[in-house]
């Protein structure tokens, strides 16, 4: 490895606390399909109700709390799990 890499590379090294913080956030709030957000804990934490393919008119009103559906986008046949290189 270079002794003095360019500044852009120094900010993205895996041991960087910024990198660790970003990947922790990604894992906490990602779609569970990608391996994080176990039991939808991240989505529950921020009150995200989950992926909705269709939403009724009464559910679109301001202030309406939606019941969490705890589904991955990939649980719907509209999306594919092939490709992407995520090992799934």
PDB file of N, CA and C in Angstrom:
ATOM      1  N   UNK A   1       0.832  -1.171   0.000  1.00  0.00           N
ATOM      2  CA  UNK A   1       0.000   0.000   0.000  1.00  0.00           C
ATOM      3  C   UNK A   1       0.883   1.243   0.000  1.00  0.00           C
ATOM      4  N   UNK A   2       0.453   2.270  -0.684  1.00  0.00           N
ATOM      5  CA  UNK A   2       1.224   3.511  -0.759  1.00  0.00           C
ATOM      6  C   UNK A   2       1.407   4.116   0.622  1.00  0.00           C
ATOM      7  N   UNK A   3       2.549   4.786   0.791  1.00  0.00           N
ATOM      8  CA  UNK A   3       2.821   5.438   2.061  1.00  0.00           C
ATOM      9  C   UNK A   3       1.918   6.653   2.260  1.00  0.00           C
ATOM     10  N   UNK A   4       1.686   7.425   1.192  1.00  0.00           N
ATOM     11  CA  UNK A   4       0.832   8.614   1.250  1.00  0.00           C
ATOM     12  C   UNK A   4      -0.209   8.553   0.133  1.00  0.00           C
ATOM     13  N   UNK A   5      -1.293   7.795   0.327  1.00  0.00           N
ATOM     14  CA  UNK A   5      -2.301   7.689  -0.727  1.00  0.00           C
ATOM     15  C   UNK A   5      -3.031   9.019  -0.923  1.00  0.00           C
ATOM     16  N   UNK A   6      -3.672   9.193  -2.075  1.00  0.00           N
ATOM     17  CA  UNK A   6      -4.435  10.419  -2.323  1.00  0.00           C
ATOM     18  C   UNK A   6      -5.500  10.627  -1.242  1.00  0.00           C
ATOM     19  N   UNK A   7      -5.855  11.867  -0.998  1.00  0.00           N
ATOM     20  CA  UNK A   7      -6.803  12.224   0.056  1.00  0.00           C
ATOM     21  C   UNK A   7      -8.126  11.454  -0.069  1.00  0.00           C
ATOM     22  N   UNK A   8      -8.644  11.299  -1.279  1.00  0.00           N
ATOM     23  CA  UNK A   8      -9.921  10.601  -1.473  1.00  0.00           C
ATOM     24  C   UNK A   8      -9.850   9.166  -0.963  1.00  0.00           C
ATOM     25  N   UNK A   9      -8.702   8.511  -1.151  1.00  0.00           N
ATOM     26  CA  UNK A   9      -8.559   7.135  -0.681  1.00  0.00           C
ATOM     27  C   UNK A   9      -8.410   7.071   0.830  1.00  0.00           C
ATOM     28  N   UNK A  10      -7.800   8.072   1.413  1.00  0.00           N
ATOM     29  CA  UNK A  10      -7.624   8.070   2.862  1.00  0.00           C
ATOM     30  C   UNK A  10      -8.959   8.123   3.589  1.00  0.00           C
ATOM     31  N   UNK A  11      -9.942   8.767   3.021  1.00  0.00           N
ATOM     32  CA  UNK A  11     -11.240   8.902   3.683  1.00  0.00           C
ATOM     33  C   UNK A  11     -12.085   7.638   3.568  1.00  0.00           C
ATOM     34  N   UNK A  12     -11.743   6.734   2.693  1.00  0.00           N
ATOM     35  CA  UNK A  12     -12.589   5.556   2.493  1.00  0.00           C
ATOM     36  C   UNK A  12     -11.956   4.262   2.986  1.00  0.00           C
ATOM     37  N   UNK A  13     -10.898   4.343   3.713  1.00  0.00           N
ATOM     38  CA  UNK A  13     -10.270   3.131   4.232  1.00  0.00           C
ATOM     39  C   UNK A  13     -11.206   2.422   5.207  1.00  0.00           C
ATOM     40  N   UNK A  14     -11.245   1.107   5.166  1.00  0.00           N
ATOM     41  CA  UNK A  14     -12.161   0.351   6.030  1.00  0.00           C
ATOM     42  C   UNK A  14     -12.001   0.608   7.522  1.00  0.00           C
ATOM     43  N   UNK A  15     -10.819   0.972   7.992  1.00  0.00           N
ATOM     44  CA  UNK A  15     -10.635   1.180   9.429  1.00  0.00           C
ATOM     45  C   UNK A  15     -11.053   2.576   9.870  1.00  0.00           C
ATOM     46  N   UNK A  16     -11.520   3.370   8.964  1.00  0.00           N
ATOM     47  CA  UNK A  16     -11.949   4.723   9.282  1.00  0.00           C
ATOM     48  C   UNK A  16     -13.237   4.695  10.102  1.00  0.00           C
ATOM     49  N   UNK A  17     -13.328   5.550  11.119  1.00  0.00           N
ATOM     50  CA  UNK A  17     -14.543   5.605  11.939  1.00  0.00           C
ATOM     51  C   UNK A  17     -15.729   6.093  11.111  1.00  0.00           C
ATOM     52  N   UNK A  18     -15.474   6.908  10.101  1.00  0.00           N
ATOM     53  CA  UNK A  18     -16.554   7.362   9.223  1.00  0.00           C
ATOM     54  C   UNK A  18     -17.116   6.185   8.441  1.00  0.00           C
ATOM     55  N   UNK A  19     -16.243   5.359   7.902  1.00  0.00           N
ATOM     56  CA  UNK A  19     -16.687   4.179   7.166  1.00  0.00           C
ATOM     57  C   UNK A  19     -17.495   3.263   8.077  1.00  0.00           C
ATOM     58  N   UNK A  20     -17.002   3.044   9.285  1.00  0.00           N
ATOM     59  CA  UNK A  20     -17.692   2.173  10.231  1.00  0.00           C
ATOM     60  C   UNK A  20     -19.073   2.732  10.572  1.00  0.00           C
ATOM     61  N   UNK A  21     -19.165   4.014  10.792  1.00  0.00           N
ATOM     62  CA  UNK A  21     -20.448   4.654  11.099  1.00  0.00           C
ATOM     63  C   UNK A  21     -21.436   4.526   9.958  1.00  0.00           C
ATOM     64  N   UNK A  22     -20.964   4.760   8.746  1.00  0.00           N
ATOM     65  CA  UNK A  22     -21.842   4.666   7.577  1.00  0.00           C
ATOM     66  C   UNK A  22     -22.347   3.247   7.357  1.00  0.00           C
ATOM     67  N   UNK A  23     -21.462   2.278   7.476  1.00  0.00           N
ATOM     68  CA  UNK A  23     -21.891   0.899   7.242  1.00  0.00           C
ATOM     69  C   UNK A  23     -22.798   0.398   8.362  1.00  0.00           C
ATOM     70  N   UNK A  24     -22.601   0.891   9.574  1.00  0.00           N
ATOM     71  CA  UNK A  24     -23.491   0.537  10.680  1.00  0.00           C
ATOM     72  C   UNK A  24     -24.894   1.064  10.417  1.00  0.00           C
ATOM     73  N   UNK A  25     -24.993   2.300   9.971  1.00  0.00           N
ATOM     74  CA  UNK A  25     -26.294   2.889   9.645  1.00  0.00           C
ATOM     75  C   UNK A  25     -26.941   2.141   8.485  1.00  0.00           C
ATOM     76  N   UNK A  26     -26.158   1.820   7.466  1.00  0.00           N
ATOM     77  CA  UNK A  26     -26.711   1.078   6.326  1.00  0.00           C
ATOM     78  C   UNK A  26     -27.259  -0.270   6.777  1.00  0.00           C
ATOM     79  N   UNK A  27     -26.531  -0.969   7.621  1.00  0.00           N
ATOM     80  CA  UNK A  27     -26.974  -2.270   8.092  1.00  0.00           C
ATOM     81  C   UNK A  27     -28.191  -2.186   8.993  1.00  0.00           C
ATOM     82  N   UNK A  28     -28.294  -1.109   9.759  1.00  0.00           N
ATOM     83  CA  UNK A  28     -29.417  -0.943  10.667  1.00  0.00           C
ATOM     84  C   UNK A  28     -30.716  -0.663   9.935  1.00  0.00           C
ATOM     85  N   UNK A  29     -30.645   0.106   8.844  1.00  0.00           N
ATOM     86  CA  UNK A  29     -31.866   0.560   8.185  1.00  0.00           C
ATOM     87  C   UNK A  29     -32.097  -0.029   6.792  1.00  0.00           C
ATOM     88  N   UNK A  30     -31.254  -0.955   6.364  1.00  0.00           N
ATOM     89  CA  UNK A  30     -31.418  -1.527   5.023  1.00  0.00           C
ATOM     90  C   UNK A  30     -32.592  -2.496   4.968  1.00  0.00           C
ATOM     91  N   UNK A  31     -32.941  -2.874   3.766  1.00  0.00           N
ATOM     92  CA  UNK A  31     -33.929  -3.926   3.576  1.00  0.00           C
ATOM     93  C   UNK A  31     -33.303  -5.211   4.120  1.00  0.00           C
ATOM     94  N   UNK A  32     -34.012  -5.962   4.957  1.00  0.00           N
ATOM     95  CA  UNK A  32     -33.445  -7.179   5.547  1.00  0.00           C
ATOM     96  C   UNK A  32     -32.905  -8.181   4.532  1.00  0.00           C
ATOM     97  N   UNK A  33     -33.333  -8.097   3.307  1.00  0.00           N
ATOM     98  CA  UNK A  33     -32.817  -8.971   2.252  1.00  0.00           C
ATOM     99  C   UNK A  33     -31.297  -8.916   2.184  1.00  0.00           C
ATOM    100  N   UNK A  34     -30.717  -7.747   2.485  1.00  0.00           N
ATOM    101  CA  UNK A  34     -29.274  -7.564   2.369  1.00  0.00           C
ATOM    102  C   UNK A  34     -28.508  -8.017   3.605  1.00  0.00           C
ATOM    103  N   UNK A  35     -29.194  -8.531   4.616  1.00  0.00           N
ATOM    104  CA  UNK A  35     -28.511  -9.124   5.752  1.00  0.00           C
ATOM    105  C   UNK A  35     -28.507  -8.303   7.025  1.00  0.00           C
ATOM    106  N   UNK A  36     -28.954  -7.079   6.996  1.00  0.00           N
ATOM    107  CA  UNK A  36     -29.011  -6.253   8.199  1.00  0.00           C
ATOM    108  C   UNK A  36     -30.448  -6.105   8.675  1.00  0.00           C
ATOM    109  N   UNK A  37     -30.666  -5.139   9.562  1.00  0.00           N
ATOM    110  CA  UNK A  37     -32.013  -4.801  10.022  1.00  0.00           C
ATOM    111  C   UNK A  37     -32.762  -6.043  10.517  1.00  0.00           C
ATOM    112  N   UNK A  38     -32.107  -6.802  11.382  1.00  0.00           N
ATOM    113  CA  UNK A  38     -32.690  -8.048  11.897  1.00  0.00           C
ATOM    114  C   UNK A  38     -34.038  -7.794  12.558  1.00  0.00           C
ATOM    115  N   UNK A  39     -35.003  -8.600  12.201  1.00  0.00           N
ATOM    116  CA  UNK A  39     -36.367  -8.495  12.739  1.00  0.00           C
ATOM    117  C   UNK A  39     -36.968  -7.106  12.543  1.00  0.00           C
ATOM    118  N   UNK A  40     -36.479  -6.386  11.537  1.00  0.00           N
ATOM    119  CA  UNK A  40     -36.979  -5.057  11.182  1.00  0.00           C
ATOM    120  C   UNK A  40     -36.801  -4.048  12.316  1.00  0.00           C
ATOM    121  N   UNK A  41     -35.827  -4.286  13.182  1.00  0.00           N
ATOM    122  CA  UNK A  41     -35.612  -3.421  14.343  1.00  0.00           C
ATOM    123  C   UNK A  41     -35.302  -1.975  13.947  1.00  0.00           C
ATOM    124  N   UNK A  42     -34.501  -1.795  12.893  1.00  0.00           N
ATOM    125  CA  UNK A  42     -34.173  -0.437  12.447  1.00  0.00           C
ATOM    126  C   UNK A  42     -35.393   0.304  11.950  1.00  0.00           C
ATOM    127  N   UNK A  43     -36.233  -0.376  11.188  1.00  0.00           N
ATOM    128  CA  UNK A  43     -37.451   0.257  10.666  1.00  0.00           C
ATOM    129  C   UNK A  43     -38.405   0.578  11.804  1.00  0.00           C
ATOM    130  N   UNK A  44     -38.528  -0.323  12.771  1.00  0.00           N
ATOM    131  CA  UNK A  44     -39.389  -0.064  13.923  1.00  0.00           C
ATOM    132  C   UNK A  44     -38.873   1.128  14.728  1.00  0.00           C
ATOM    133  N   UNK A  45     -37.556   1.232  14.843  1.00  0.00           N
ATOM    134  CA  UNK A  45     -36.942   2.319  15.604  1.00  0.00           C
ATOM    135  C   UNK A  45     -37.339   3.693  15.068  1.00  0.00           C
ATOM    136  N   UNK A  46     -37.385   3.825  13.751  1.00  0.00           N
ATOM    137  CA  UNK A  46     -37.715   5.129  13.164  1.00  0.00           C
ATOM    138  C   UNK A  46     -39.180   5.241  12.748  1.00  0.00           C
ATOM    139  N   UNK A  47     -39.963   4.203  13.009  1.00  0.00           N
ATOM    140  CA  UNK A  47     -41.382   4.246  12.676  1.00  0.00           C
ATOM    141  C   UNK A  47     -41.696   4.043  11.212  1.00  0.00           C
ATOM    142  N   UNK A  48     -40.757   3.444  10.479  1.00  0.00           N
ATOM    143  CA  UNK A  48     -41.005   3.163   9.059  1.00  0.00           C
ATOM    144  C   UNK A  48     -41.893   1.933   8.967  1.00  0.00           C
ATOM    145  N   UNK A  49     -43.069   2.036   8.325  1.00  0.00           N
ATOM    146  CA  UNK A  49     -44.002   0.916   8.314  1.00  0.00           C
ATOM    147  C   UNK A  49     -43.624  -0.225   7.377  1.00  0.00           C
ATOM    148  N   UNK A  50     -42.661  -0.021   6.516  1.00  0.00           N
ATOM    149  CA  UNK A  50     -42.253  -1.064   5.591  1.00  0.00           C
ATOM    150  C   UNK A  50     -42.686  -0.761   4.170  1.00  0.00           C
ATOM    151  N   UNK A  51     -42.259  -1.615   3.281  1.00  0.00           N
ATOM    152  CA  UNK A  51     -42.527  -1.458   1.860  1.00  0.00           C
ATOM    153  C   UNK A  51     -44.012  -1.645   1.589  1.00  0.00           C
ATOM    154  N   UNK A  52     -44.573  -0.750   0.805  1.00  0.00           N
ATOM    155  CA  UNK A  52     -45.974  -0.844   0.417  1.00  0.00           C
ATOM    156  C   UNK A  52     -46.045  -0.827  -1.105  1.00  0.00           C
ATOM    157  N   UNK A  53     -46.668  -1.826  -1.695  1.00  0.00           N
ATOM    158  CA  UNK A  53     -46.846  -1.875  -3.138  1.00  0.00           C
ATOM    159  C   UNK A  53     -48.043  -1.021  -3.534  1.00  0.00           C
ATOM    160  N   UNK A  54     -49.066  -1.035  -2.709  1.00  0.00           N
ATOM    161  CA  UNK A  54     -50.226  -0.167  -2.934  1.00  0.00           C
ATOM    162  C   UNK A  54     -50.691   0.358  -1.582  1.00  0.00           C
ATOM    163  N   UNK A  55     -51.249   1.563  -1.611  1.00  0.00           N
ATOM    164  CA  UNK A  55     -51.683   2.217  -0.386  1.00  0.00           C
ATOM    165  C   UNK A  55     -53.087   2.762  -0.602  1.00  0.00           C
ATOM    166  N   UNK A  56     -53.992   2.444   0.303  1.00  0.00           N
ATOM    167  CA  UNK A  56     -55.368   2.938   0.216  1.00  0.00           C
ATOM    168  C   UNK A  56     -55.412   4.443   0.497  1.00  0.00           C
ATOM    169  N   UNK A  57     -56.439   5.105   0.010  1.00  0.00           N
ATOM    170  CA  UNK A  57     -56.583   6.560   0.172  1.00  0.00           C
ATOM    171  C   UNK A  57     -56.519   6.970   1.644  1.00  0.00           C
ATOM    172  N   UNK A  58     -57.173   6.250   2.532  1.00  0.00           N
ATOM    173  CA  UNK A  58     -57.174   6.620   3.949  1.00  0.00           C
ATOM    174  C   UNK A  58     -55.792   6.482   4.587  1.00  0.00           C
ATOM    175  N   UNK A  59     -54.927   5.661   4.006  1.00  0.00           N
ATOM    176  CA  UNK A  59     -53.570   5.497   4.533  1.00  0.00           C
ATOM    177  C   UNK A  59     -52.626   6.599   4.061  1.00  0.00           C
ATOM    178  N   UNK A  60     -53.059   7.421   3.112  1.00  0.00           N
ATOM    179  CA  UNK A  60     -52.220   8.477   2.571  1.00  0.00           C
ATOM    180  C   UNK A  60     -52.415   9.819   3.271  1.00  0.00           C
ATOM    181  N   UNK A  61     -53.327   9.878   4.204  1.00  0.00           N
ATOM    182  CA  UNK A  61     -53.592  11.130   4.914  1.00  0.00           C
ATOM    183  C   UNK A  61     -52.481  11.431   5.896  1.00  0.00           C
ATOM    184  N   UNK A  62     -52.217  12.717   6.091  1.00  0.00           N
ATOM    185  CA  UNK A  62     -51.202  13.155   7.052  1.00  0.00           C
ATOM    186  C   UNK A  62     -51.605  12.718   8.457  1.00  0.00           C
ATOM    187  N   UNK A  63     -50.658  12.262   9.221  1.00  0.00           N
ATOM    188  CA  UNK A  63     -50.899  11.900  10.608  1.00  0.00           C
ATOM    189  C   UNK A  63     -51.439  10.499  10.828  1.00  0.00           C
ATOM    190  N   UNK A  64     -51.673   9.749   9.766  1.00  0.00           N
ATOM    191  CA  UNK A  64     -52.169   8.382   9.903  1.00  0.00           C
ATOM    192  C   UNK A  64     -50.976   7.458  10.164  1.00  0.00           C
ATOM    193  N   UNK A  65     -51.045   6.734  11.260  1.00  0.00           N
ATOM    194  CA  UNK A  65     -49.979   5.781  11.584  1.00  0.00           C
ATOM    195  C   UNK A  65     -50.289   4.443  10.916  1.00  0.00           C
ATOM    196  N   UNK A  66     -49.359   3.989  10.096  1.00  0.00           N
ATOM    197  CA  UNK A  66     -49.543   2.708   9.416  1.00  0.00           C
ATOM    198  C   UNK A  66     -48.987   1.576  10.267  1.00  0.00           C
ATOM    199  N   UNK A  67     -49.682   0.478  10.290  1.00  0.00           N
ATOM    200  CA  UNK A  67     -49.217  -0.698  11.011  1.00  0.00           C
ATOM    201  C   UNK A  67     -48.037  -1.302  10.246  1.00  0.00           C
ATOM    202  N   UNK A  68     -46.933  -1.597  10.935  1.00  0.00           N
ATOM    203  CA  UNK A  68     -45.785  -2.202  10.247  1.00  0.00           C
ATOM    204  C   UNK A  68     -46.164  -3.520   9.584  1.00  0.00           C
ATOM    205  N   UNK A  69     -45.697  -3.703   8.356  1.00  0.00           N
ATOM    206  CA  UNK A  69     -46.001  -4.960   7.676  1.00  0.00           C
ATOM    207  C   UNK A  69     -44.823  -5.936   7.693  1.00  0.00           C
ATOM    208  N   UNK A  70     -43.655  -5.479   8.115  1.00  0.00           N
ATOM    209  CA  UNK A  70     -42.458  -6.312   8.230  1.00  0.00           C
ATOM    210  C   UNK A  70     -42.259  -7.220   7.026  1.00  0.00           C
ATOM    211  N   UNK A  71     -42.187  -6.598   5.860  1.00  0.00           N
ATOM    212  CA  UNK A  71     -41.916  -7.325   4.626  1.00  0.00           C
ATOM    213  C   UNK A  71     -40.762  -6.667   3.883  1.00  0.00           C
ATOM    214  N   UNK A  72     -39.952  -7.473   3.298  1.00  0.00           N
ATOM    215  CA  UNK A  72     -38.883  -7.008   2.427  1.00  0.00           C
ATOM    216  C   UNK A  72     -39.491  -6.674   1.070  1.00  0.00           C
ATOM    217  N   UNK A  73     -38.869  -5.775   0.353  1.00  0.00           N
ATOM    218  CA  UNK A  73     -39.320  -5.495  -1.013  1.00  0.00           C
ATOM    219  C   UNK A  73     -39.251  -6.770  -1.843  1.00  0.00           C
ATOM    220  N   UNK A  74     -38.313  -7.635  -1.519  1.00  0.00           N
ATOM    221  CA  UNK A  74     -38.117  -8.853  -2.297  1.00  0.00           C
ATOM    222  C   UNK A  74     -39.102  -9.963  -1.940  1.00  0.00           C
ATOM    223  N   UNK A  75     -39.974  -9.714  -0.980  1.00  0.00           N
ATOM    224  CA  UNK A  75     -41.038 -10.678  -0.686  1.00  0.00           C
ATOM    225  C   UNK A  75     -42.143 -10.602  -1.734  1.00  0.00           C
ATOM    226  N   UNK A  76     -42.161  -9.545  -2.530  1.00  0.00           N
ATOM    227  CA  UNK A  76     -43.175  -9.366  -3.575  1.00  0.00           C
ATOM    228  C   UNK A  76     -42.623  -9.868  -4.902  1.00  0.00           C
ATOM    229  N   UNK A  77     -43.459 -10.522  -5.681  1.00  0.00           N
ATOM    230  CA  UNK A  77     -43.005 -11.077  -6.954  1.00  0.00           C
ATOM    231  C   UNK A  77     -42.634  -9.998  -7.972  1.00  0.00           C
ATOM    232  N   UNK A  78     -43.004  -8.739  -7.702  1.00  0.00           N
ATOM    233  CA  UNK A  78     -42.665  -7.638  -8.603  1.00  0.00           C
ATOM    234  C   UNK A  78     -41.146  -7.422  -8.665  1.00  0.00           C
ATOM    235  N   UNK A  79     -40.455  -7.770  -7.598  1.00  0.00           N
ATOM    236  CA  UNK A  79     -39.010  -7.578  -7.513  1.00  0.00           C
ATOM    237  C   UNK A  79     -38.301  -8.908  -7.661  1.00  0.00           C
ATOM    238  N   UNK A  80     -37.077  -8.850  -8.124  1.00  0.00           N
ATOM    239  CA  UNK A  80     -36.321 -10.079  -8.339  1.00  0.00           C
ATOM    240  C   UNK A  80     -35.153 -10.159  -7.367  1.00  0.00           C
ATOM    241  N   UNK A  81     -34.816 -11.348  -6.962  1.00  0.00           N
ATOM    242  CA  UNK A  81     -33.669 -11.576  -6.089  1.00  0.00           C
ATOM    243  C   UNK A  81     -32.444 -12.005  -6.879  1.00  0.00           C
ATOM    244  N   UNK A  82     -32.572 -12.068  -8.200  1.00  0.00           N
ATOM    245  CA  UNK A  82     -31.432 -12.472  -9.022  1.00  0.00           C
ATOM    246  C   UNK A  82     -30.507 -11.286  -9.272  1.00  0.00           C
ATOM    247  N   UNK A  83     -29.226 -11.568  -9.380  1.00  0.00           N
ATOM    248  CA  UNK A  83     -28.257 -10.538  -9.715  1.00  0.00           C
ATOM    249  C   UNK A  83     -27.901  -9.685  -8.517  1.00  0.00           C
ATOM    250  N   UNK A  84     -27.160  -8.638  -8.780  1.00  0.00           N
ATOM    251  CA  UNK A  84     -26.784  -7.705  -7.720  1.00  0.00           C
ATOM    252  C   UNK A  84     -25.532  -8.090  -6.979  1.00  0.00           C
ATOM    253  N   UNK A  85     -25.117  -9.360  -7.056  1.00  0.00           N
ATOM    254  CA  UNK A  85     -23.880  -9.778  -6.414  1.00  0.00           C
ATOM    255  C   UNK A  85     -23.908  -9.714  -4.894  1.00  0.00           C
ATOM    256  N   UNK A  86     -25.071  -9.887  -4.275  1.00  0.00           N
ATOM    257  CA  UNK A  86     -25.155  -9.807  -2.830  1.00  0.00           C
ATOM    258  C   UNK A  86     -25.107 -11.171  -2.174  1.00  0.00           C
ATOM    259  N   UNK A  87     -24.869 -12.205  -2.949  1.00  0.00           N
ATOM    260  CA  UNK A  87     -24.721 -13.532  -2.393  1.00  0.00           C
ATOM    261  C   UNK A  87     -26.026 -14.200  -1.990  1.00  0.00           C
ATOM    262  N   UNK A  88     -27.136 -13.706  -2.499  1.00  0.00           N
ATOM    263  CA  UNK A  88     -28.441 -14.288  -2.137  1.00  0.00           C
ATOM    264  C   UNK A  88     -29.020 -15.046  -3.299  1.00  0.00           C
TER     265      UNK A  88
END
